[in-house]
Amino acid sequence: SAYPNPSNGIVTIEFGQAFQTTVDITVTDLTGKSVFNKAMSSIAEGQVQKLDLTSLATGTYLLTVNTTEGSWTERVVIK
């Protein structure tokens, strides 16, 4: 899950399961342009990762987490 939403630019992602492979985190604007990328080598269950998106303009973005087991996307609003 990603919270808080809306955010002041600091977004926390909490992982509900462990991943032993690379996890890619991408934030795109609504035109599809990538504005933030981060790769992590492994994730523990319950691990929390904070993303600093304060350099982004206010608006709506799509946060996508890609793993070898699948991906999920969540809409994030920066106010």
Protein backbone atom coordinates (compact mmCIF):
# COMPACT_ATOMS: atom_id res chain seq x y z
CA SER A 1 0.00 0.00 0.00
CA ALA A 2 1.04 3.62 -0.53
CA TYR A 3 0.16 6.37 1.92
CA PRO A 4 -0.67 9.12 2.77
CA ASN A 5 -2.79 9.98 -0.20
CA PRO A 6 -3.01 12.87 -0.91
CA SER A 7 0.58 13.57 0.11
CA ASN A 8 2.84 16.56 0.64
CA GLY A 9 5.44 14.72 -1.48
CA ILE A 10 6.69 12.11 1.00
CA VAL A 11 4.99 8.82 0.07
CA THR A 12 5.42 5.63 2.09
CA ILE A 13 5.12 2.22 0.45
CA GLU A 14 4.50 -0.77 2.71
CA PHE A 15 5.16 -4.21 1.23
CA GLY A 16 2.82 -6.99 2.32
CA GLN A 17 5.12 -9.77 1.20
CA ALA A 18 8.82 -10.50 0.70
CA PHE A 19 10.54 -10.42 -2.69
CA GLN A 20 13.98 -11.94 -3.26
CA THR A 21 14.39 -10.43 -6.73
CA THR A 22 14.64 -6.87 -8.00
CA VAL A 23 11.66 -4.63 -7.28
CA ASP A 24 11.27 -1.60 -9.56
CA ILE A 25 9.33 1.45 -8.37
CA THR A 26 8.29 3.95 -11.05
CA VAL A 27 6.26 7.14 -10.79
CA THR A 28 4.79 8.55 -14.00
CA ASP A 29 2.74 11.64 -14.71
CA LEU A 30 -0.62 11.27 -16.43
CA THR A 31 0.99 11.68 -19.87
CA GLY A 32 3.04 8.53 -19.20
CA LYS A 33 6.35 10.33 -18.67
CA SER A 34 8.52 8.70 -16.01
CA VAL A 35 9.37 11.23 -13.28
CA PHE A 36 10.88 8.93 -10.60
CA ASN A 37 12.57 5.50 -10.66
CA LYS A 38 14.04 3.33 -7.94
CA ALA A 39 15.24 -0.28 -8.02
CA MET A 40 15.59 -2.36 -4.88
CA SER A 41 17.41 -5.69 -4.75
CA SER A 42 15.16 -7.46 -2.25
CA ILE A 43 12.24 -6.66 0.05
CA ALA A 44 11.33 -8.13 3.43
CA GLU A 45 7.70 -8.74 4.35
CA GLY A 46 6.34 -5.63 6.06
CA GLN A 47 9.25 -3.48 4.85
CA VAL A 48 8.53 0.23 4.53
CA GLN A 49 10.12 2.43 1.86
CA LYS A 50 9.75 6.21 1.86
CA LEU A 51 9.82 8.03 -1.47
CA ASP A 52 10.74 11.72 -1.61
CA LEU A 53 8.59 13.19 -4.39
CA THR A 54 8.71 16.76 -3.08
CA SER A 55 10.45 17.95 -6.26
CA LEU A 56 7.36 17.08 -8.31
CA ALA A 57 4.67 19.62 -9.15
CA THR A 58 1.30 19.30 -7.47
CA GLY A 59 -0.98 16.93 -9.32
CA THR A 60 -1.86 13.30 -9.88
CA TYR A 61 0.73 10.62 -10.60
CA LEU A 62 0.75 6.86 -11.08
CA LEU A 63 3.02 4.84 -8.79
CA THR A 64 3.84 1.38 -10.16
CA VAL A 65 5.67 -1.41 -8.35
CA ASN A 66 7.00 -4.15 -10.67
CA THR A 67 8.22 -7.54 -9.43
CA THR A 68 8.81 -10.90 -11.08
CA GLU A 69 5.47 -11.99 -9.58
CA GLY A 70 3.47 -9.13 -11.08
CA SER A 71 2.86 -5.43 -10.67
CA TRP A 72 0.42 -3.02 -9.08
CA THR A 73 -0.33 0.61 -9.79
CA GLU A 74 -1.82 3.18 -7.47
CA ARG A 75 -2.82 6.77 -8.12
CA VAL A 76 -0.94 9.24 -5.90
CA VAL A 77 -1.93 12.88 -5.46
CA ILE A 78 0.72 15.46 -4.53
CA LYS A 79 -0.77 18.60 -3.00
